[in-house]
Protein backbone atom coordinates (compact mmCIF):
# COMPACT_ATOMS: atom_id res chain seq x y z
CA UNK A 1 0.00 0.00 0.00
CA UNK A 2 2.88 2.38 0.71
CA UNK A 3 4.21 1.93 -2.82
CA UNK A 4 0.84 2.96 -4.26
CA UNK A 5 0.64 5.94 -1.94
CA UNK A 6 4.15 7.11 -2.75
CA UNK A 7 3.48 6.66 -6.46
CA UNK A 8 0.22 8.62 -6.30
CA UNK A 9 1.88 11.40 -4.27
CA UNK A 10 4.36 11.81 -7.12
CA UNK A 11 1.56 11.74 -9.69
CA UNK A 12 3.11 8.80 -11.54
CA UNK A 13 1.33 6.01 -13.35
CA UNK A 14 2.29 2.41 -12.75
CA UNK A 15 3.96 2.43 -16.15
CA UNK A 16 6.09 5.45 -15.23
CA UNK A 17 7.13 3.88 -11.92
CA UNK A 18 8.01 0.65 -13.69
CA UNK A 19 10.14 2.50 -16.22
CA UNK A 20 11.96 4.59 -13.60
CA UNK A 21 12.61 1.62 -11.31
CA UNK A 22 13.51 -0.85 -14.04
CA UNK A 23 10.76 -3.22 -12.90
CA UNK A 24 8.02 -4.63 -15.05
CA UNK A 25 4.55 -3.11 -14.86
CA UNK A 26 3.25 -6.48 -13.69
CA UNK A 27 5.72 -6.46 -10.79
CA UNK A 28 4.60 -2.98 -9.75
CA UNK A 29 0.96 -4.10 -9.92
CA UNK A 30 1.66 -7.18 -7.79
CA UNK A 31 3.52 -5.16 -5.16
CA UNK A 32 0.69 -2.62 -4.99
CA UNK A 33 -1.80 -5.45 -4.51
CA UNK A 34 0.12 -6.64 -1.46
CA UNK A 35 2.52 -9.27 -2.79
CA UNK A 36 5.82 -9.16 -0.92
CA UNK A 37 8.55 -7.70 -3.15
CA UNK A 38 12.02 -9.14 -3.45
CA UNK A 39 15.08 -7.34 -2.13
CA UNK A 40 16.20 -6.15 -5.58
CA UNK A 41 12.74 -4.75 -6.29
CA UNK A 42 12.76 -2.96 -2.94
CA UNK A 43 16.18 -1.48 -3.68
CA UNK A 44 14.96 -0.17 -7.02
CA UNK A 45 11.81 1.32 -5.52
CA UNK A 46 13.71 2.83 -2.58
CA UNK A 47 16.07 4.55 -5.02
CA UNK A 48 13.19 5.95 -7.07
CA UNK A 49 11.31 7.22 -4.00
CA UNK A 50 14.51 8.40 -2.31
CA UNK A 51 13.85 6.40 0.85
CA UNK A 52 15.38 3.38 2.52
CA UNK A 53 14.69 -0.28 1.88
CA UNK A 54 14.09 -0.67 5.62
CA UNK A 55 11.27 1.88 5.57
CA UNK A 56 9.60 0.17 2.62
CA UNK A 57 10.03 -3.22 4.31
CA UNK A 58 8.57 -1.96 7.59
CA UNK A 59 5.41 -0.85 5.83
CA UNK A 60 5.34 -4.10 3.86
CA UNK A 61 5.65 -6.10 7.07
CA UNK A 62 2.96 -3.96 8.69
CA UNK A 63 0.59 -4.68 5.78
CA UNK A 64 1.21 -8.43 6.16
CA UNK A 65 0.34 -8.29 9.86
CA UNK A 66 -2.43 -5.71 9.53
CA UNK A 67 -5.03 -8.09 10.97
CA UNK A 68 -2.84 -8.67 14.01
CA UNK A 69 -2.88 -4.95 14.89
CA UNK A 70 0.90 -4.62 15.09
CA UNK A 71 1.70 -0.92 15.54
CA UNK A 72 3.63 0.80 12.79
CA UNK A 73 6.70 2.91 13.32
CA UNK A 74 6.49 4.23 9.76
CA UNK A 75 5.09 7.73 9.42
CA UNK A 76 3.51 7.16 5.99
CA UNK A 77 -0.12 6.11 6.39
CA UNK A 78 -3.25 6.60 4.33
CA UNK A 79 -5.65 9.31 5.40
CA UNK A 80 -9.40 8.74 5.43
CA UNK A 81 -9.71 10.89 2.30
CA UNK A 82 -7.07 8.84 0.47
CA UNK A 83 -8.74 5.59 1.50
CA UNK A 84 -12.08 6.97 0.33
CA UNK A 85 -10.69 8.03 -3.04
CA UNK A 86 -8.95 4.67 -3.53
CA UNK A 87 -12.23 2.89 -2.73
CA UNK A 88 -14.14 5.14 -5.13
CA UNK A 89 -11.66 4.44 -7.93
CA UNK A 90 -12.00 0.69 -7.27
CA UNK A 91 -15.77 1.01 -7.54
CA UNK A 92 -15.49 2.92 -10.83
CA UNK A 93 -13.08 0.27 -12.13
CA UNK A 94 -15.57 -2.40 -11.11
CA UNK A 95 -18.34 -0.62 -13.01
CA UNK A 96 -16.28 -0.35 -16.20
CA UNK A 97 -15.34 -4.02 -15.89
CA UNK A 98 -19.04 -4.85 -15.53
CA UNK A 99 -19.88 -2.69 -18.57
CA UNK A 100 -17.19 -4.33 -20.74
CA UNK A 101 -18.41 -7.78 -19.72
CA UNK A 102 -21.96 -6.75 -20.62
CA UNK A 103 -20.94 -5.51 -24.07
CA UNK A 104 -18.88 -8.63 -24.83
CA UNK A 105 -21.51 -11.11 -23.64
CA UNK A 106 -24.37 -9.29 -25.35
CA UNK A 107 -22.35 -9.13 -28.58
CA UNK A 108 -21.77 -12.87 -28.38
CA UNK A 109 -25.44 -13.52 -27.68
CA UNK A 110 -26.46 -11.28 -30.59
CA UNK A 111 -24.20 -13.22 -32.95
CA UNK A 112 -25.56 -16.49 -31.59
CA UNK A 113 -29.12 -15.21 -32.00
CA UNK A 114 -28.52 -14.08 -35.59
CA UNK A 115 -26.86 -17.37 -36.51
CA UNK A 116 -29.46 -19.65 -34.97
CA UNK A 117 -32.77 -17.81 -35.26
CA UNK A 118 -32.49 -14.47 -37.12
CA UNK A 119 -36.25 -14.01 -37.44
CA UNK A 120 -36.75 -13.67 -33.68
CA UNK A 121 -34.49 -11.37 -31.66
CA UNK A 122 -34.66 -13.03 -28.24
CA UNK A 123 -31.37 -11.36 -27.29
CA UNK A 124 -33.21 -8.12 -26.41
CA UNK A 125 -34.62 -9.72 -23.23
CA UNK A 126 -31.32 -10.57 -21.54
CA UNK A 127 -29.89 -7.28 -22.83
CA UNK A 128 -32.80 -5.41 -21.27
CA UNK A 129 -32.58 -7.25 -17.95
CA UNK A 130 -28.85 -6.97 -17.59
CA UNK A 131 -29.03 -3.38 -18.87
CA UNK A 132 -31.17 -2.49 -15.86
CA UNK A 133 -28.40 -3.90 -13.66
CA UNK A 134 -25.79 -1.82 -15.51
CA UNK A 135 -27.84 1.34 -15.07
CA UNK A 136 -28.33 0.58 -11.38
CA UNK A 137 -24.60 -0.04 -10.97
CA UNK A 138 -23.80 3.27 -12.72
CA UNK A 139 -26.27 5.17 -10.52
CA UNK A 140 -24.63 3.72 -7.43
CA UNK A 141 -21.01 4.25 -8.48
CA UNK A 142 -21.40 7.73 -9.93
CA UNK A 143 -23.94 8.71 -7.25
CA UNK A 144 -26.56 9.94 -9.73
CA UNK A 145 -29.36 8.55 -7.59
CA UNK A 146 -28.31 7.65 -4.10
CA UNK A 147 -31.24 6.04 -2.31
CA UNK A 148 -29.02 4.15 0.11
CA UNK A 149 -26.28 6.73 0.66
CA UNK A 150 -24.63 7.97 3.84
CA UNK A 151 -27.73 9.88 5.00
CA UNK A 152 -29.89 6.77 4.71
CA UNK A 153 -27.25 4.70 6.54
CA UNK A 154 -27.05 7.27 9.32
CA UNK A 155 -30.84 7.31 9.75
CA UNK A 156 -30.97 3.50 9.88
CA UNK A 157 -28.18 3.33 12.47
CA UNK A 158 -29.83 5.98 14.64
CA UNK A 159 -33.20 4.23 14.30
CA UNK A 160 -31.77 0.89 15.38
CA UNK A 161 -29.90 2.44 18.27
CA UNK A 162 -33.16 4.06 19.42
CA UNK A 163 -31.86 7.60 19.07
CA UNK A 164 -33.69 10.55 17.62
CA UNK A 165 -32.08 12.60 14.88
């Protein structure tokens, strides 16, 4: 997680970090996902970020033991805003992945429909049904319509705790 944070603070893409450190993009992606980097990779990243291998290893070790609540001596941590933005970007990525899957599957079904029974377009029904799911996902991710947003959650929590707003 520290590698991602340091990279984002510099405004670099994963490709740029890979090029500057001499690592492959895939290696950078794996490290950012939590895979433990090798010593040579750590040395390369420490040189690029102008920090020590020990500091990068401390954070890496802290991430591995995060569930065990081992305190960190490293000063680099994610703020609530950074965690929120990272989560939002993951949700947007998930939506686009969902949309691409929809387009590919519906294209395949359309071809299958046209090859097997061109006189009847049955493919519109799954496209319509799944399309509703895509629209719902988009509304949630991009917060166009937010029926179950933070305000709703707060009201439900207060209601269940027996408190008045």
